[in-house]
């Protein structure tokens, strides 16, 4: 296991993050405490030190389990959790980005996790009801109080993240140092705005659902054993319909995996890990120890550039405005004239 700097924070985190949404006793989605502990220990024994959870996961059971597991490891673990989502359905202030929910959620998470501080605290999702300057100030207050060390954003519009960081930097508050995004080979729409922003502002990217809910594991390829699909998120239509386009991408991943003698999951994870447009740290999740071990196997090799190019081509998202216009040869000629091909622009955050 190697370690990466988490954006501008200076934190050293392992190159794979362990997501613990499955650490809950729900038989339809999670696993019990015994299995969860085995998954945790397998990851930590491999050198992993970056754990991601949220108060909503298992309605608090994921955090409670981690509080039992971490114990003496606490100082070595980079512990991340989240707030925003409602934990008390009949209380209008028990959800949202506002300060009251922020403070109450953090205090409850600290108790469940059996710790007095959080290394990385995420805004879980934007609520469109709270002013961004209020959120940044409230987060900074918790940093100054020592209860949170760093803050980051998840499932927020790029323009809002940028505004929040600008306000924070101007006022001497704590800016976001990372992004948690739905990012994988079948969901690449974040590349247009989020990846350039992250590179320009030195923010790490932690993709959730890097295997597209099981789609990129080979389980859904045409002709695959139907029994393999049980329990996968895509099977319940959680992340969208199983379209022909998605199947084509999944089968391209399986084809590369077969060529190099690796699993499709490992290929999909390395496609993310080898991204040259920023610091990308996939969040792996599991319901079985074998799945964690298989995912960790991606650390033993790298994809060739030929394979990356092939996967990039088959999974290329449709052009998005205004990036599509700005990057077009026509726009470059309009801006730079005949000198367009002679100017080396190191400021362009879209380039590796």
Protein backbone atom coordinates (compact mmCIF):
# COMPACT_ATOMS: atom_id res chain seq x y z
CA UNK A 1 0.00 0.00 0.00
CA UNK A 2 1.27 3.44 -0.93
CA UNK A 3 -0.03 6.75 0.42
CA UNK A 4 -1.18 9.96 -1.21
CA UNK A 5 -1.50 13.52 0.02
CA UNK A 6 -5.16 14.36 0.48
CA UNK A 7 -5.34 17.58 -1.47
CA UNK A 8 -3.86 20.60 0.25
CA UNK A 9 -4.51 19.15 3.74
CA UNK A 10 -1.16 17.36 4.00
CA UNK A 11 -2.91 14.23 5.31
CA UNK A 12 -1.27 11.00 4.15
CA UNK A 13 -4.00 8.56 3.17
CA UNK A 14 -3.81 5.09 1.64
CA UNK A 15 -4.39 4.83 -2.10
CA UNK A 16 -7.64 2.98 -1.50
CA UNK A 17 -10.25 4.16 1.00
CA UNK A 18 -12.49 1.68 2.82
CA UNK A 19 -16.14 2.65 2.61
CA UNK A 20 -18.28 1.25 5.42
CA UNK A 21 -21.85 1.81 4.24
CA UNK A 22 -22.30 -1.98 4.40
CA UNK A 23 -21.40 -2.03 8.11
CA UNK A 24 -24.98 -2.46 9.27
CA UNK A 25 -27.17 -5.46 10.12
CA UNK A 26 -29.70 -4.92 7.31
CA UNK A 27 -29.77 -8.37 5.66
CA UNK A 28 -30.77 -6.86 2.33
CA UNK A 29 -27.84 -4.47 2.17
CA UNK A 30 -25.26 -4.84 4.93
CA UNK A 31 -23.36 -7.35 7.04
CA UNK A 32 -23.24 -8.04 10.76
CA UNK A 33 -20.56 -6.86 13.17
CA UNK A 34 -18.47 -10.02 12.94
CA UNK A 35 -18.19 -9.83 9.15
CA UNK A 36 -17.69 -6.07 9.26
CA UNK A 37 -14.78 -6.47 11.67
CA UNK A 38 -13.16 -9.03 9.34
CA UNK A 39 -13.48 -6.62 6.42
CA UNK A 40 -12.01 -3.79 8.50
CA UNK A 41 -9.08 -5.90 9.74
CA UNK A 42 -8.29 -7.21 6.26
CA UNK A 43 -8.05 -3.65 4.96
CA UNK A 44 -5.96 -2.36 7.87
CA UNK A 45 -3.59 -5.36 7.75
CA UNK A 46 -2.92 -4.51 4.10
CA UNK A 47 -1.74 -1.03 5.16
CA UNK A 48 -5.01 0.85 4.70
CA UNK A 49 -5.49 3.85 6.98
CA UNK A 50 -8.37 5.79 5.36
CA UNK A 51 -11.89 4.88 6.58
CA UNK A 52 -15.07 6.55 5.29
CA UNK A 53 -18.48 6.40 6.94
CA UNK A 54 -21.53 8.61 7.57
CA UNK A 55 -24.09 9.10 10.30
CA UNK A 56 -26.83 7.88 7.94
CA UNK A 57 -25.15 4.53 7.18
CA UNK A 58 -27.22 1.94 9.01
CA UNK A 59 -28.84 4.81 10.93
CA UNK A 60 -25.65 5.12 12.98
CA UNK A 61 -24.67 1.44 13.17
CA UNK A 62 -21.73 1.85 10.77
CA UNK A 63 -20.21 4.50 13.04
CA UNK A 64 -20.95 2.43 16.15
CA UNK A 65 -19.24 -0.62 14.69
CA UNK A 66 -16.20 1.41 13.70
CA UNK A 67 -16.07 2.84 17.21
CA UNK A 68 -15.75 -0.72 18.46
CA UNK A 69 -13.18 -1.74 15.83
CA UNK A 70 -10.74 1.16 15.76
CA UNK A 71 -9.73 1.18 19.42
CA UNK A 72 -5.94 1.46 19.70
CA UNK A 73 -5.68 2.17 15.97
CA UNK A 74 -7.34 5.57 16.34
CA UNK A 75 -4.19 7.68 16.01
CA UNK A 76 -3.14 5.79 12.86
CA UNK A 77 -6.56 5.93 11.18
CA UNK A 78 -7.66 8.86 9.02
CA UNK A 79 -11.33 8.78 9.98
CA UNK A 80 -13.93 10.45 7.78
CA UNK A 81 -17.65 10.79 8.38
CA UNK A 82 -20.49 12.93 7.07
CA UNK A 83 -23.51 14.95 8.08
CA UNK A 84 -26.57 16.45 6.32
CA UNK A 85 -29.12 13.64 5.96
CA UNK A 86 -32.04 13.38 8.35
CA UNK A 87 -31.72 11.03 11.32
CA UNK A 88 -35.06 11.89 12.97
CA UNK A 89 -37.75 11.93 10.30
CA UNK A 90 -40.33 13.99 12.24
CA UNK A 91 -37.85 16.75 13.21
CA UNK A 92 -37.48 19.47 10.54
CA UNK A 93 -34.08 20.50 11.92
CA UNK A 94 -32.64 16.97 12.05
CA UNK A 95 -31.50 17.21 8.44
CA UNK A 96 -29.85 19.79 6.21
CA UNK A 97 -26.59 21.70 5.99
CA UNK A 98 -27.39 24.29 8.66
CA UNK A 99 -25.40 24.82 11.85
CA UNK A 100 -27.88 23.22 14.26
CA UNK A 101 -27.91 19.95 12.37
CA UNK A 102 -24.16 20.18 11.84
CA UNK A 103 -23.39 20.51 15.55
CA UNK A 104 -25.92 17.92 16.66
CA UNK A 105 -24.84 15.44 14.01
CA UNK A 106 -21.15 15.82 14.83
CA UNK A 107 -21.69 15.33 18.57
CA UNK A 108 -23.71 12.18 17.93
CA UNK A 109 -21.07 10.84 15.52
CA UNK A 110 -18.27 11.46 18.00
CA UNK A 111 -20.12 9.42 20.63
CA UNK A 112 -20.79 6.54 18.26
CA UNK A 113 -17.21 6.54 16.95
CA UNK A 114 -15.81 6.78 20.50
CA UNK A 115 -13.43 9.58 19.60
CA UNK A 116 -13.09 13.27 20.38
CA UNK A 117 -12.24 14.43 16.86
CA UNK A 118 -12.89 13.63 13.19
CA UNK A 119 -10.00 13.80 10.72
CA UNK A 120 -12.17 14.61 7.69
CA UNK A 121 -15.77 15.85 7.92
CA UNK A 122 -17.90 15.78 4.79
CA UNK A 123 -20.94 17.80 3.83
CA UNK A 124 -22.86 14.75 2.56
CA UNK A 125 -25.17 16.42 0.04
CA UNK A 126 -26.27 19.98 -0.69
CA UNK A 127 -29.71 20.96 0.62
CA UNK A 128 -30.28 24.24 -1.30
CA UNK A 129 -31.67 25.82 1.86
CA UNK A 130 -28.55 27.02 3.71
CA UNK A 131 -26.27 29.87 2.66
CA UNK A 132 -22.84 28.58 1.68
CA UNK A 133 -21.08 31.24 3.77
CA UNK A 134 -22.97 30.02 6.86
CA UNK A 135 -21.87 26.45 6.20
CA UNK A 136 -18.22 27.41 5.71
CA UNK A 137 -18.21 29.51 8.88
CA UNK A 138 -19.90 26.77 10.93
CA UNK A 139 -17.42 24.17 9.67
CA UNK A 140 -14.50 26.46 10.44
CA UNK A 141 -15.76 26.95 13.99
CA UNK A 142 -15.60 23.18 14.52
CA UNK A 143 -12.07 23.10 13.13
CA UNK A 144 -11.03 25.86 15.51
CA UNK A 145 -12.66 23.95 18.37
CA UNK A 146 -10.50 20.91 17.53
CA UNK A 147 -13.44 18.60 16.91
CA UNK A 148 -12.78 18.46 13.15
CA UNK A 149 -9.36 18.64 11.47
CA UNK A 150 -10.31 19.03 7.79
CA UNK A 151 -13.52 19.54 5.80
CA UNK A 152 -14.64 18.30 2.39
CA UNK A 153 -17.67 18.23 0.11
CA UNK A 154 -19.77 15.40 -1.27
CA UNK A 155 -22.53 15.56 -3.87
CA UNK A 156 -22.39 19.34 -4.26
CA UNK A 157 -22.41 21.40 -7.48
CA UNK A 158 -18.93 22.38 -8.63
CA UNK A 159 -19.81 26.08 -8.74
CA UNK A 160 -20.94 25.95 -5.11
CA UNK A 161 -17.82 24.15 -3.92
CA UNK A 162 -15.74 26.77 -5.68
CA UNK A 163 -17.76 29.59 -4.12
CA UNK A 164 -17.40 28.06 -0.67
CA UNK A 165 -13.64 27.73 -1.03
CA UNK A 166 -13.30 31.28 -2.32
CA UNK A 167 -15.24 32.66 0.65
CA UNK A 168 -13.23 30.53 3.08
CA UNK A 169 -9.87 31.61 1.66
CA UNK A 170 -10.83 35.29 1.63
CA UNK A 171 -11.97 35.21 5.25
CA UNK A 172 -9.27 32.97 6.67
CA UNK A 173 -11.61 30.02 7.21
CA UNK A 174 -11.02 26.35 6.42
CA UNK A 175 -11.62 25.46 2.73
CA UNK A 176 -12.73 22.10 1.37
CA UNK A 177 -9.75 19.83 0.64
CA UNK A 178 -11.56 16.99 -1.09
CA UNK A 179 -14.51 15.93 -3.23
CA UNK A 180 -16.56 12.75 -2.95
CA UNK A 181 -18.16 12.09 -6.33
CA UNK A 182 -20.18 9.43 -8.11
CA UNK A 183 -17.41 8.53 -10.54
CA UNK A 184 -16.70 5.36 -12.45
CA UNK A 185 -16.38 4.19 -16.04
CA UNK A 186 -20.12 4.42 -16.69
CA UNK A 187 -20.59 7.71 -14.79
CA UNK A 188 -18.04 10.21 -16.07
CA UNK A 189 -20.08 13.42 -16.21
CA UNK A 190 -18.09 14.86 -13.30
CA UNK A 191 -14.99 15.06 -15.49
CA UNK A 192 -16.13 18.24 -17.24
CA UNK A 193 -16.24 20.58 -14.24
CA UNK A 194 -15.17 18.75 -11.07
CA UNK A 195 -11.81 17.33 -12.18
CA UNK A 196 -10.42 20.66 -13.48
CA UNK A 197 -11.69 22.43 -10.35
CA UNK A 198 -10.10 19.81 -8.09
CA UNK A 199 -6.76 20.08 -9.84
CA UNK A 200 -6.77 23.86 -9.79
CA UNK A 201 -7.69 24.04 -6.09
CA UNK A 202 -5.59 21.03 -5.03
CA UNK A 203 -8.47 18.89 -3.85
CA UNK A 204 -8.43 15.09 -3.69
CA UNK A 205 -11.18 13.08 -5.39
CA UNK A 206 -12.71 10.03 -3.71
CA UNK A 207 -15.08 8.24 -6.12
CA UNK A 208 -17.99 6.42 -4.55
CA UNK A 209 -19.44 3.37 -6.30
CA UNK A 210 -16.24 2.91 -8.35
CA UNK A 211 -17.56 -0.43 -9.63
CA UNK A 212 -20.92 1.08 -10.66
CA UNK A 213 -22.91 -0.91 -8.13
CA UNK A 214 -21.44 -4.21 -9.32
CA UNK A 215 -21.82 -3.55 -13.04
CA UNK A 216 -18.04 -3.45 -13.56
CA UNK A 217 -17.39 -6.74 -11.79
CA UNK A 218 -18.37 -8.94 -14.74
CA UNK A 219 -21.57 -10.11 -13.03
CA UNK A 220 -23.82 -8.40 -15.57
CA UNK A 221 -22.02 -9.27 -18.80
CA UNK A 222 -24.17 -10.96 -21.41
CA UNK A 223 -24.21 -14.65 -20.64
CA UNK A 224 -23.05 -14.20 -17.02
CA UNK A 225 -24.46 -16.51 -14.38
CA UNK A 226 -27.72 -14.99 -13.13
CA UNK A 227 -27.00 -16.05 -9.54
CA UNK A 228 -23.96 -13.74 -9.44
CA UNK A 229 -26.18 -10.68 -9.69
CA UNK A 230 -27.89 -11.24 -6.34
CA UNK A 231 -27.11 -8.50 -3.84
CA UNK A 232 -25.55 -6.11 -6.36
CA UNK A 233 -26.94 -2.59 -6.23
CA UNK A 234 -27.51 -2.38 -9.95
CA UNK A 235 -29.78 -5.43 -9.63
CA UNK A 236 -32.27 -3.33 -7.68
CA UNK A 237 -32.05 -0.51 -10.22
CA UNK A 238 -30.51 1.71 -7.53
CA UNK A 239 -28.17 3.53 -9.92
CA UNK A 240 -30.18 3.42 -13.13
CA UNK A 241 -31.28 1.14 -15.93
CA UNK A 242 -28.94 -1.49 -17.31
CA UNK A 243 -28.63 0.01 -20.79
CA UNK A 244 -26.81 -1.37 -23.82
CA UNK A 245 -24.21 1.38 -23.47
CA UNK A 246 -23.45 0.38 -19.89
CA UNK A 247 -23.25 -3.29 -20.84
CA UNK A 248 -20.81 -2.48 -23.63
CA UNK A 249 -18.55 -0.62 -21.19
CA UNK A 250 -18.76 -3.43 -18.63
CA UNK A 251 -17.85 -6.05 -21.21
CA UNK A 252 -14.90 -3.96 -22.40
CA UNK A 253 -13.63 -3.97 -18.82
CA UNK A 254 -14.05 -7.75 -18.65
CA UNK A 255 -12.22 -8.16 -21.96
CA UNK A 256 -9.19 -6.23 -20.68
CA UNK A 257 -9.30 -8.20 -17.43
CA UNK A 258 -9.21 -11.49 -19.33
CA UNK A 259 -6.27 -10.33 -21.46
CA UNK A 260 -4.10 -9.53 -18.45
CA UNK A 261 -5.31 -12.25 -16.08
CA UNK A 262 -6.94 -9.92 -13.58
CA UNK A 263 -10.48 -9.42 -12.28
CA UNK A 264 -12.81 -6.82 -13.85
CA UNK A 265 -13.04 -5.08 -10.47
CA UNK A 266 -9.28 -4.60 -10.36
CA UNK A 267 -9.26 -3.18 -13.89
CA UNK A 268 -12.07 -0.73 -13.08
CA UNK A 269 -10.32 0.44 -9.91
CA UNK A 270 -6.99 0.94 -11.69
CA UNK A 271 -8.68 2.95 -14.43
CA UNK A 272 -9.58 5.40 -11.64
CA UNK A 273 -6.30 5.10 -9.71
CA UNK A 274 -4.20 5.86 -12.79
CA UNK A 275 -6.12 9.02 -13.62
CA UNK A 276 -3.53 11.66 -14.49
CA UNK A 277 -5.88 14.61 -14.10
CA UNK A 278 -5.82 14.65 -10.32
CA UNK A 279 -5.44 12.73 -7.06
CA UNK A 280 -8.07 9.99 -7.25
CA UNK A 281 -8.61 7.63 -4.29
CA UNK A 282 -11.40 5.10 -4.93
CA UNK A 283 -13.69 4.13 -2.06
CA UNK A 284 -14.02 0.36 -1.95
CA UNK A 285 -16.89 -1.33 -0.13
CA UNK A 286 -17.63 -4.96 0.53
CA UNK A 287 -19.94 -7.50 2.11
CA UNK A 288 -17.32 -10.26 2.02
CA UNK A 289 -13.63 -10.45 2.93
CA UNK A 290 -12.97 -12.02 -0.47
CA UNK A 291 -14.24 -8.86 -2.16
CA UNK A 292 -11.83 -6.68 -0.16
CA UNK A 293 -8.92 -8.95 -1.01
CA UNK A 294 -9.83 -8.89 -4.69
CA UNK A 295 -10.08 -5.09 -4.67
CA UNK A 296 -6.73 -4.79 -2.90
CA UNK A 297 -5.25 -6.86 -5.72
CA UNK A 298 -5.45 -3.80 -7.98
CA UNK A 299 -2.42 -2.46 -6.12
CA UNK A 300 -0.20 -5.19 -7.56
CA UNK A 301 -0.21 -3.97 -11.16
CA UNK A 302 -0.93 -1.08 -13.51
CA UNK A 303 -2.88 -0.94 -16.74
CA UNK A 304 -0.95 -0.27 -19.92
CA UNK A 305 -1.60 3.00 -21.73
CA UNK A 306 -3.10 1.01 -24.59
CA UNK A 307 -5.66 -0.52 -22.25
CA UNK A 308 -6.43 2.84 -20.64
CA UNK A 309 -6.93 4.41 -24.06
CA UNK A 310 -9.24 1.60 -25.10
CA UNK A 311 -11.34 1.94 -21.94
CA UNK A 312 -11.40 5.72 -22.26
CA UNK A 313 -12.73 5.43 -25.78
CA UNK A 314 -15.50 2.95 -25.06
CA UNK A 315 -16.67 4.85 -21.96
CA UNK A 316 -16.27 8.41 -23.27
CA UNK A 317 -19.17 10.61 -22.06
CA UNK A 318 -20.97 12.95 -24.47
CA UNK A 319 -19.41 16.44 -24.76
CA UNK A 320 -20.67 18.93 -22.16
CA UNK A 321 -20.97 22.67 -22.74
CA UNK A 322 -19.05 24.92 -22.17
CA UNK A 323 -16.07 22.56 -21.88
CA UNK A 324 -16.84 21.11 -25.29
CA UNK A 325 -16.70 24.56 -26.89
CA UNK A 326 -13.63 25.79 -25.02
CA UNK A 327 -11.64 22.68 -25.96
CA UNK A 328 -12.67 22.68 -29.61
CA UNK A 329 -10.07 23.41 -32.33
CA UNK A 330 -12.32 26.21 -33.56
CA UNK A 331 -12.24 27.97 -30.17
CA UNK A 332 -8.48 27.56 -29.85
CA UNK A 333 -7.99 29.15 -33.28
CA UNK A 334 -10.37 31.95 -32.36
CA UNK A 335 -8.50 32.65 -29.14
CA UNK A 336 -4.88 32.12 -30.22
CA UNK A 337 -5.01 32.54 -33.97
CA UNK A 338 -2.15 30.92 -35.92
CA UNK A 339 -0.12 30.55 -32.69
CA UNK A 340 -2.52 27.98 -31.17
CA UNK A 341 -0.22 25.00 -31.81
CA UNK A 342 2.91 26.80 -30.59
CA UNK A 343 1.77 27.82 -27.11
CA UNK A 344 2.44 25.44 -24.20
CA UNK A 345 -0.16 26.23 -21.54
CA UNK A 346 0.76 24.81 -18.13
CA UNK A 347 -2.20 26.61 -16.52
CA UNK A 348 -4.81 24.41 -18.20
CA UNK A 349 -6.19 22.20 -15.39
CA UNK A 350 -7.73 19.78 -17.89
CA UNK A 351 -4.31 18.49 -18.94
CA UNK A 352 -2.40 15.76 -17.15
